Amino acid sequence: TVQHAFLHMYRTRRERKRDFRRLWIVRINAASRLLGVPYSRLMGALAKANVELDRKMLATLAVSDPAAFKAVATQVGALAS
């Protein structure tokens, strides 16, 4: 029983990481689509501009401070405005 529980604990720790990454991608995609840019184009522009914000920080910006998220997207050239 204990070994079975350890197996579930091990697997769940890995799944939690996957779930959070998926959640962050959904949040970034939703915020970027409001700006008229798909997720892939935004992430490509961030990589090209050597901006080292991870998905967790981008998702936090997208939810808590949309103006800052828009500023980041504009600065890297993802927006045509």
PDB file of N, CA and C in Angstrom:
ATOM      1  N   THR A   1       0.830  -1.194   0.000  1.00  0.00           N
ATOM      2  CA  THR A   1       0.000   0.000   0.000  1.00  0.00           C
ATOM      3  C   THR A   1       0.876   1.261   0.000  1.00  0.00           C
ATOM      4  N   VAL A   2       1.921   1.232   0.806  1.00  0.00           N
ATOM      5  CA  VAL A   2       2.805   2.396   0.892  1.00  0.00           C
ATOM      6  C   VAL A   2       3.540   2.592  -0.430  1.00  0.00           C
ATOM      7  N   GLN A   3       4.001   1.503  -1.026  1.00  0.00           N
ATOM      8  CA  GLN A   3       4.695   1.616  -2.312  1.00  0.00           C
ATOM      9  C   GLN A   3       3.753   2.134  -3.396  1.00  0.00           C
ATOM     10  N   HIS A   4       2.515   1.705  -3.331  1.00  0.00           N
ATOM     11  CA  HIS A   4       1.514   2.189  -4.294  1.00  0.00           C
ATOM     12  C   HIS A   4       1.299   3.702  -4.116  1.00  0.00           C
ATOM     13  N   ALA A   5       1.246   4.142  -2.867  1.00  0.00           N
ATOM     14  CA  ALA A   5       1.084   5.570  -2.589  1.00  0.00           C
ATOM     15  C   ALA A   5       2.294   6.358  -3.078  1.00  0.00           C
ATOM     16  N   PHE A   6       3.490   5.805  -2.878  1.00  0.00           N
ATOM     17  CA  PHE A   6       4.688   6.485  -3.361  1.00  0.00           C
ATOM     18  C   PHE A   6       4.675   6.621  -4.873  1.00  0.00           C
ATOM     19  N   LEU A   7       4.178   5.598  -5.550  1.00  0.00           N
ATOM     20  CA  LEU A   7       4.091   5.658  -7.011  1.00  0.00           C
ATOM     21  C   LEU A   7       3.168   6.794  -7.452  1.00  0.00           C
ATOM     22  N   HIS A   8       2.021   6.920  -6.783  1.00  0.00           N
ATOM     23  CA  HIS A   8       1.085   8.001  -7.123  1.00  0.00           C
ATOM     24  C   HIS A   8       1.682   9.370  -6.801  1.00  0.00           C
ATOM     25  N   MET A   9       2.393   9.480  -5.690  1.00  0.00           N
ATOM     26  CA  MET A   9       3.020  10.760  -5.337  1.00  0.00           C
ATOM     27  C   MET A   9       4.040  11.159  -6.395  1.00  0.00           C
ATOM     28  N   TYR A  10       4.844  10.218  -6.823  1.00  0.00           N
ATOM     29  CA  TYR A  10       5.881  10.493  -7.833  1.00  0.00           C
ATOM     30  C   TYR A  10       5.239  10.950  -9.142  1.00  0.00           C
ATOM     31  N   ARG A  11       4.231  10.213  -9.570  1.00  0.00           N
ATOM     32  CA  ARG A  11       3.572  10.539 -10.837  1.00  0.00           C
ATOM     33  C   ARG A  11       2.850  11.886 -10.763  1.00  0.00           C
ATOM     34  N   THR A  12       2.217  12.161  -9.646  1.00  0.00           N
ATOM     35  CA  THR A  12       1.451  13.398  -9.497  1.00  0.00           C
ATOM     36  C   THR A  12       2.355  14.623  -9.483  1.00  0.00           C
ATOM     37  N   ARG A  13       3.553  14.505  -8.914  1.00  0.00           N
ATOM     38  CA  ARG A  13       4.476  15.640  -8.937  1.00  0.00           C
ATOM     39  C   ARG A  13       4.833  16.004 -10.367  1.00  0.00           C
ATOM     40  N   ARG A  14       5.026  15.013 -11.221  1.00  0.00           N
ATOM     41  CA  ARG A  14       5.333  15.283 -12.631  1.00  0.00           C
ATOM     42  C   ARG A  14       4.126  15.864 -13.360  1.00  0.00           C
ATOM     43  N   GLU A  15       2.955  15.322 -13.076  1.00  0.00           N
ATOM     44  CA  GLU A  15       1.730  15.814 -13.730  1.00  0.00           C
ATOM     45  C   GLU A  15       1.425  17.259 -13.343  1.00  0.00           C
ATOM     46  N   ARG A  16       1.722  17.622 -12.095  1.00  0.00           N
ATOM     47  CA  ARG A  16       1.460  18.990 -11.646  1.00  0.00           C
ATOM     48  C   ARG A  16       2.268  19.988 -12.463  1.00  0.00           C
ATOM     49  N   LYS A  17       3.520  19.654 -12.749  1.00  0.00           N
ATOM     50  CA  LYS A  17       4.356  20.526 -13.571  1.00  0.00           C
ATOM     51  C   LYS A  17       3.760  20.692 -14.961  1.00  0.00           C
ATOM     52  N   ARG A  18       3.283  19.575 -15.538  1.00  0.00           N
ATOM     53  CA  ARG A  18       2.657  19.638 -16.860  1.00  0.00           C
ATOM     54  C   ARG A  18       1.387  20.480 -16.827  1.00  0.00           C
ATOM     55  N   ASP A  19       0.583  20.304 -15.779  1.00  0.00           N
ATOM     56  CA  ASP A  19      -0.672  21.040 -15.674  1.00  0.00           C
ATOM     57  C   ASP A  19      -0.433  22.544 -15.561  1.00  0.00           C
ATOM     58  N   PHE A  20       0.556  22.943 -14.775  1.00  0.00           N
ATOM     59  CA  PHE A  20       0.836  24.371 -14.639  1.00  0.00           C
ATOM     60  C   PHE A  20       1.349  24.961 -15.948  1.00  0.00           C
ATOM     61  N   ARG A  21       2.227  24.239 -16.632  1.00  0.00           N
ATOM     62  CA  ARG A  21       2.715  24.739 -17.911  1.00  0.00           C
ATOM     63  C   ARG A  21       1.560  24.915 -18.892  1.00  0.00           C
ATOM     64  N   ARG A  22       0.642  23.960 -18.929  1.00  0.00           N
ATOM     65  CA  ARG A  22      -0.527  24.050 -19.802  1.00  0.00           C
ATOM     66  C   ARG A  22      -1.394  25.252 -19.430  1.00  0.00           C
ATOM     67  N   LEU A  23      -1.588  25.483 -18.130  1.00  0.00           N
ATOM     68  CA  LEU A  23      -2.380  26.616 -17.664  1.00  0.00           C
ATOM     69  C   LEU A  23      -1.728  27.938 -18.069  1.00  0.00           C
ATOM     70  N   TRP A  24      -0.397  28.036 -17.895  1.00  0.00           N
ATOM     71  CA  TRP A  24       0.293  29.270 -18.261  1.00  0.00           C
ATOM     72  C   TRP A  24       0.171  29.534 -19.757  1.00  0.00           C
ATOM     73  N   ILE A  25       0.296  28.518 -20.566  1.00  0.00           N
ATOM     74  CA  ILE A  25       0.191  28.690 -22.016  1.00  0.00           C
ATOM     75  C   ILE A  25      -1.203  29.162 -22.399  1.00  0.00           C
ATOM     76  N   VAL A  26      -2.230  28.601 -21.764  1.00  0.00           N
ATOM     77  CA  VAL A  26      -3.608  29.022 -22.051  1.00  0.00           C
ATOM     78  C   VAL A  26      -3.808  30.490 -21.679  1.00  0.00           C
ATOM     79  N   ARG A  27      -3.290  30.901 -20.529  1.00  0.00           N
ATOM     80  CA  ARG A  27      -3.444  32.292 -20.098  1.00  0.00           C
ATOM     81  C   ARG A  27      -2.702  33.262 -21.015  1.00  0.00           C
ATOM     82  N   ILE A  28      -1.484  32.901 -21.397  1.00  0.00           N
ATOM     83  CA  ILE A  28      -0.709  33.763 -22.299  1.00  0.00           C
ATOM     84  C   ILE A  28      -1.396  33.847 -23.651  1.00  0.00           C
ATOM     85  N   ASN A  29      -1.889  32.732 -24.145  1.00  0.00           N
ATOM     86  CA  ASN A  29      -2.564  32.712 -25.434  1.00  0.00           C
ATOM     87  C   ASN A  29      -3.819  33.573 -25.411  1.00  0.00           C
ATOM     88  N   ALA A  30      -4.588  33.487 -24.336  1.00  0.00           N
ATOM     89  CA  ALA A  30      -5.805  34.294 -24.230  1.00  0.00           C
ATOM     90  C   ALA A  30      -5.472  35.782 -24.227  1.00  0.00           C
ATOM     91  N   ALA A  31      -4.467  36.161 -23.465  1.00  0.00           N
ATOM     92  CA  ALA A  31      -4.098  37.576 -23.391  1.00  0.00           C
ATOM     93  C   ALA A  31      -3.507  38.068 -24.707  1.00  0.00           C
ATOM     94  N   SER A  32      -2.708  37.238 -25.354  1.00  0.00           N
ATOM     95  CA  SER A  32      -2.097  37.672 -26.610  1.00  0.00           C
ATOM     96  C   SER A  32      -3.136  37.744 -27.727  1.00  0.00           C
ATOM     97  N   ARG A  33      -4.120  36.859 -27.706  1.00  0.00           N
ATOM     98  CA  ARG A  33      -5.180  36.919 -28.735  1.00  0.00           C
ATOM     99  C   ARG A  33      -6.031  38.171 -28.571  1.00  0.00           C
ATOM    100  N   LEU A  34      -6.177  38.655 -27.322  1.00  0.00           N
ATOM    101  CA  LEU A  34      -6.888  39.920 -27.124  1.00  0.00           C
ATOM    102  C   LEU A  34      -6.135  41.073 -27.783  1.00  0.00           C
ATOM    103  N   LEU A  35      -4.813  40.932 -27.903  1.00  0.00           N
ATOM    104  CA  LEU A  35      -3.993  41.942 -28.557  1.00  0.00           C
ATOM    105  C   LEU A  35      -3.874  41.692 -30.059  1.00  0.00           C
ATOM    106  N   GLY A  36      -4.444  40.575 -30.523  1.00  0.00           N
ATOM    107  CA  GLY A  36      -4.423  40.271 -31.946  1.00  0.00           C
ATOM    108  C   GLY A  36      -3.206  39.497 -32.407  1.00  0.00           C
ATOM    109  N   VAL A  37      -2.516  38.853 -31.476  1.00  0.00           N
ATOM    110  CA  VAL A  37      -1.305  38.105 -31.796  1.00  0.00           C
ATOM    111  C   VAL A  37      -1.465  36.683 -31.279  1.00  0.00           C
ATOM    112  N   PRO A  38      -1.214  35.675 -32.097  1.00  0.00           N
ATOM    113  CA  PRO A  38      -1.266  34.307 -31.572  1.00  0.00           C
ATOM    114  C   PRO A  38      -0.087  34.008 -30.649  1.00  0.00           C
ATOM    115  N   TYR A  39      -0.261  33.005 -29.829  1.00  0.00           N
ATOM    116  CA  TYR A  39       0.751  32.610 -28.834  1.00  0.00           C
ATOM    117  C   TYR A  39       2.094  32.326 -29.497  1.00  0.00           C
ATOM    118  N   SER A  40       2.070  31.579 -30.581  1.00  0.00           N
ATOM    119  CA  SER A  40       3.330  31.167 -31.204  1.00  0.00           C
ATOM    120  C   SER A  40       4.111  32.364 -31.729  1.00  0.00           C
ATOM    121  N   ARG A  41       3.415  33.351 -32.289  1.00  0.00           N
ATOM    122  CA  ARG A  41       4.102  34.534 -32.800  1.00  0.00           C
ATOM    123  C   ARG A  41       4.686  35.364 -31.653  1.00  0.00           C
ATOM    124  N   LEU A  42       3.949  35.458 -30.546  1.00  0.00           N
ATOM    125  CA  LEU A  42       4.441  36.191 -29.380  1.00  0.00           C
ATOM    126  C   LEU A  42       5.686  35.520 -28.814  1.00  0.00           C
ATOM    127  N   MET A  43       5.638  34.207 -28.634  1.00  0.00           N
ATOM    128  CA  MET A  43       6.783  33.494 -28.072  1.00  0.00           C
ATOM    129  C   MET A  43       7.981  33.543 -29.022  1.00  0.00           C
ATOM    130  N   GLY A  44       7.725  33.512 -30.322  1.00  0.00           N
ATOM    131  CA  GLY A  44       8.806  33.646 -31.287  1.00  0.00           C
ATOM    132  C   GLY A  44       9.464  35.007 -31.212  1.00  0.00           C
ATOM    133  N   ALA A  45       8.649  36.046 -31.063  1.00  0.00           N
ATOM    134  CA  ALA A  45       9.192  37.404 -30.950  1.00  0.00           C
ATOM    135  C   ALA A  45       9.987  37.571 -29.654  1.00  0.00           C
ATOM    136  N   LEU A  46       9.516  36.952 -28.575  1.00  0.00           N
ATOM    137  CA  LEU A  46      10.251  37.022 -27.308  1.00  0.00           C
ATOM    138  C   LEU A  46      11.599  36.326 -27.422  1.00  0.00           C
ATOM    139  N   ALA A  47      11.630  35.184 -28.084  1.00  0.00           N
ATOM    140  CA  ALA A  47      12.883  34.449 -28.246  1.00  0.00           C
ATOM    141  C   ALA A  47      13.847  35.217 -29.143  1.00  0.00           C
ATOM    142  N   LYS A  48      13.316  35.826 -30.186  1.00  0.00           N
ATOM    143  CA  LYS A  48      14.152  36.581 -31.121  1.00  0.00           C
ATOM    144  C   LYS A  48      14.750  37.820 -30.458  1.00  0.00           C
ATOM    145  N   ALA A  49      13.993  38.425 -29.542  1.00  0.00           N
ATOM    146  CA  ALA A  49      14.453  39.624 -28.845  1.00  0.00           C
ATOM    147  C   ALA A  49      15.282  39.292 -27.603  1.00  0.00           C
ATOM    148  N   ASN A  50      15.516  38.009 -27.347  1.00  0.00           N
ATOM    149  CA  ASN A  50      16.288  37.558 -26.183  1.00  0.00           C
ATOM    150  C   ASN A  50      15.686  38.018 -24.860  1.00  0.00           C
ATOM    151  N   VAL A  51      14.383  38.047 -24.788  1.00  0.00           N
ATOM    152  CA  VAL A  51      13.689  38.371 -23.540  1.00  0.00           C
ATOM    153  C   VAL A  51      13.578  37.085 -22.740  1.00  0.00           C
ATOM    154  N   GLU A  52      14.062  37.094 -21.527  1.00  0.00           N
ATOM    155  CA  GLU A  52      14.119  35.881 -20.728  1.00  0.00           C
ATOM    156  C   GLU A  52      13.021  35.833 -19.669  1.00  0.00           C
ATOM    157  N   LEU A  53      11.809  36.177 -20.066  1.00  0.00           N
ATOM    158  CA  LEU A  53      10.670  36.005 -19.173  1.00  0.00           C
ATOM    159  C   LEU A  53      10.117  34.606 -19.410  1.00  0.00           C
ATOM    160  N   ASP A  54       9.936  33.861 -18.330  1.00  0.00           N
ATOM    161  CA  ASP A  54       9.401  32.516 -18.501  1.00  0.00           C
ATOM    162  C   ASP A  54       7.873  32.567 -18.587  1.00  0.00           C
ATOM    163  N   ARG A  55       7.295  31.435 -18.887  1.00  0.00           N
ATOM    164  CA  ARG A  55       5.855  31.365 -19.079  1.00  0.00           C
ATOM    165  C   ARG A  55       5.101  31.718 -17.799  1.00  0.00           C
ATOM    166  N   LYS A  56       5.654  31.354 -16.662  1.00  0.00           N
ATOM    167  CA  LYS A  56       4.991  31.659 -15.395  1.00  0.00           C
ATOM    168  C   LYS A  56       4.868  33.171 -15.205  1.00  0.00           C
ATOM    169  N   MET A  57       5.941  33.898 -15.467  1.00  0.00           N
ATOM    170  CA  MET A  57       5.907  35.358 -15.305  1.00  0.00           C
ATOM    171  C   MET A  57       4.994  36.012 -16.340  1.00  0.00           C
ATOM    172  N   LEU A  58       5.057  35.527 -17.577  1.00  0.00           N
ATOM    173  CA  LEU A  58       4.180  36.086 -18.610  1.00  0.00           C
ATOM    174  C   LEU A  58       2.710  35.860 -18.261  1.00  0.00           C
ATOM    175  N   ALA A  59       2.377  34.675 -17.757  1.00  0.00           N
ATOM    176  CA  ALA A  59       0.999  34.388 -17.374  1.00  0.00           C
ATOM    177  C   ALA A  59       0.560  35.267 -16.208  1.00  0.00           C
ATOM    178  N   THR A  60       1.460  35.508 -15.264  1.00  0.00           N
ATOM    179  CA  THR A  60       1.140  36.377 -14.140  1.00  0.00           C
ATOM    180  C   THR A  60       0.891  37.800 -14.627  1.00  0.00           C
ATOM    181  N   LEU A  61       1.733  38.268 -15.542  1.00  0.00           N
ATOM    182  CA  LEU A  61       1.521  39.601 -16.117  1.00  0.00           C
ATOM    183  C   LEU A  61       0.202  39.668 -16.867  1.00  0.00           C
ATOM    184  N   ALA A  62      -0.093  38.643 -17.626  1.00  0.00           N
ATOM    185  CA  ALA A  62      -1.315  38.635 -18.427  1.00  0.00           C
ATOM    186  C   ALA A  62      -2.558  38.717 -17.553  1.00  0.00           C
ATOM    187  N   VAL A  63      -2.528  38.063 -16.400  1.00  0.00           N
ATOM    188  CA  VAL A  63      -3.696  38.047 -15.521  1.00  0.00           C
ATOM    189  C   VAL A  63      -3.752  39.287 -14.644  1.00  0.00           C
ATOM    190  N   SER A  64      -2.631  39.647 -14.029  1.00  0.00           N
ATOM    191  CA  SER A  64      -2.661  40.707 -13.026  1.00  0.00           C
ATOM    192  C   SER A  64      -2.411  42.103 -13.580  1.00  0.00           C
ATOM    193  N   ASP A  65      -1.661  42.216 -14.672  1.00  0.00           N
ATOM    194  CA  ASP A  65      -1.322  43.533 -15.207  1.00  0.00           C
ATOM    195  C   ASP A  65      -1.311  43.508 -16.739  1.00  0.00           C
ATOM    196  N   PRO A  66      -2.498  43.569 -17.345  1.00  0.00           N
ATOM    197  CA  PRO A  66      -2.573  43.488 -18.809  1.00  0.00           C
ATOM    198  C   PRO A  66      -1.821  44.618 -19.530  1.00  0.00           C
ATOM    199  N   ALA A  67      -1.714  45.781 -18.898  1.00  0.00           N
ATOM    200  CA  ALA A  67      -0.984  46.889 -19.530  1.00  0.00           C
ATOM    201  C   ALA A  67       0.504  46.556 -19.645  1.00  0.00           C
ATOM    202  N   ALA A  68       1.055  45.949 -18.618  1.00  0.00           N
ATOM    203  CA  ALA A  68       2.459  45.548 -18.658  1.00  0.00           C
ATOM    204  C   ALA A  68       2.671  44.439 -19.677  1.00  0.00           C
ATOM    205  N   PHE A  69       1.711  43.523 -19.775  1.00  0.00           N
ATOM    206  CA  PHE A  69       1.801  42.449 -20.774  1.00  0.00           C
ATOM    207  C   PHE A  69       1.798  43.042 -22.176  1.00  0.00           C
ATOM    208  N   LYS A  70       0.932  44.021 -22.397  1.00  0.00           N
ATOM    209  CA  LYS A  70       0.884  44.675 -23.706  1.00  0.00           C
ATOM    210  C   LYS A  70       2.187  45.416 -23.989  1.00  0.00           C
ATOM    211  N   ALA A  71       2.762  46.028 -22.960  1.00  0.00           N
ATOM    212  CA  ALA A  71       4.038  46.731 -23.137  1.00  0.00           C
ATOM    213  C   ALA A  71       5.150  45.772 -23.523  1.00  0.00           C
ATOM    214  N   VAL A  72       5.178  44.607 -22.907  1.00  0.00           N
ATOM    215  CA  VAL A  72       6.180  43.602 -23.258  1.00  0.00           C
ATOM    216  C   VAL A  72       5.997  43.145 -24.693  1.00  0.00           C
ATOM    217  N   ALA A  73       4.752  42.875 -25.073  1.00  0.00           N
ATOM    218  CA  ALA A  73       4.460  42.420 -26.432  1.00  0.00           C
ATOM    219  C   ALA A  73       4.809  43.494 -27.457  1.00  0.00           C
ATOM    220  N   THR A  74       4.560  44.740 -27.121  1.00  0.00           N
ATOM    221  CA  THR A  74       4.892  45.833 -28.030  1.00  0.00           C
ATOM    222  C   THR A  74       6.397  46.009 -28.141  1.00  0.00           C
ATOM    223  N   GLN A  75       7.087  45.901 -27.036  1.00  0.00           N
ATOM    224  CA  GLN A  75       8.522  46.100 -27.020  1.00  0.00           C
ATOM    225  C   GLN A  75       9.270  45.070 -27.865  1.00  0.00           C
ATOM    226  N   VAL A  76       8.814  43.831 -27.865  1.00  0.00           N
ATOM    227  CA  VAL A  76       9.492  42.807 -28.649  1.00  0.00           C
ATOM    228  C   VAL A  76       9.064  42.817 -30.096  1.00  0.00           C
ATOM    229  N   GLY A  77       8.104  43.664 -30.434  1.00  0.00           N
ATOM    230  CA  GLY A  77       7.704  43.787 -31.828  1.00  0.00           C
ATOM    231  C   GLY A  77       6.666  42.795 -32.267  1.00  0.00           C
ATOM    232  N   ALA A  78       5.982  42.149 -31.328  1.00  0.00           N
ATOM    233  CA  ALA A  78       4.945  41.183 -31.694  1.00  0.00           C
ATOM    234  C   ALA A  78       3.693  41.892 -32.199  1.00  0.00           C
ATOM    235  N   LEU A  79       3.458  43.110 -31.704  1.00  0.00           N
ATOM    236  CA  LEU A  79       2.299  43.870 -32.145  1.00  0.00           C
ATOM    237  C   LEU A  79       2.703  44.811 -33.271  1.00  0.00           C
ATOM    238  N   ALA A  80       1.805  45.019 -34.171  1.00  0.00           N
ATOM    239  CA  ALA A  80       2.103  45.895 -35.316  1.00  0.00           C
ATOM    240  C   ALA A  80       1.749  47.350 -35.031  1.00  0.00           C
ATOM    241  N   SER A  81       1.346  47.648 -33.793  1.00  0.00           N
ATOM    242  CA  SER A  81       0.942  49.014 -33.470  1.00  0.00           C
ATOM    243  C   SER A  81       2.170  49.831 -33.246  1.00  0.00           C
TER     244      SER A  81
END
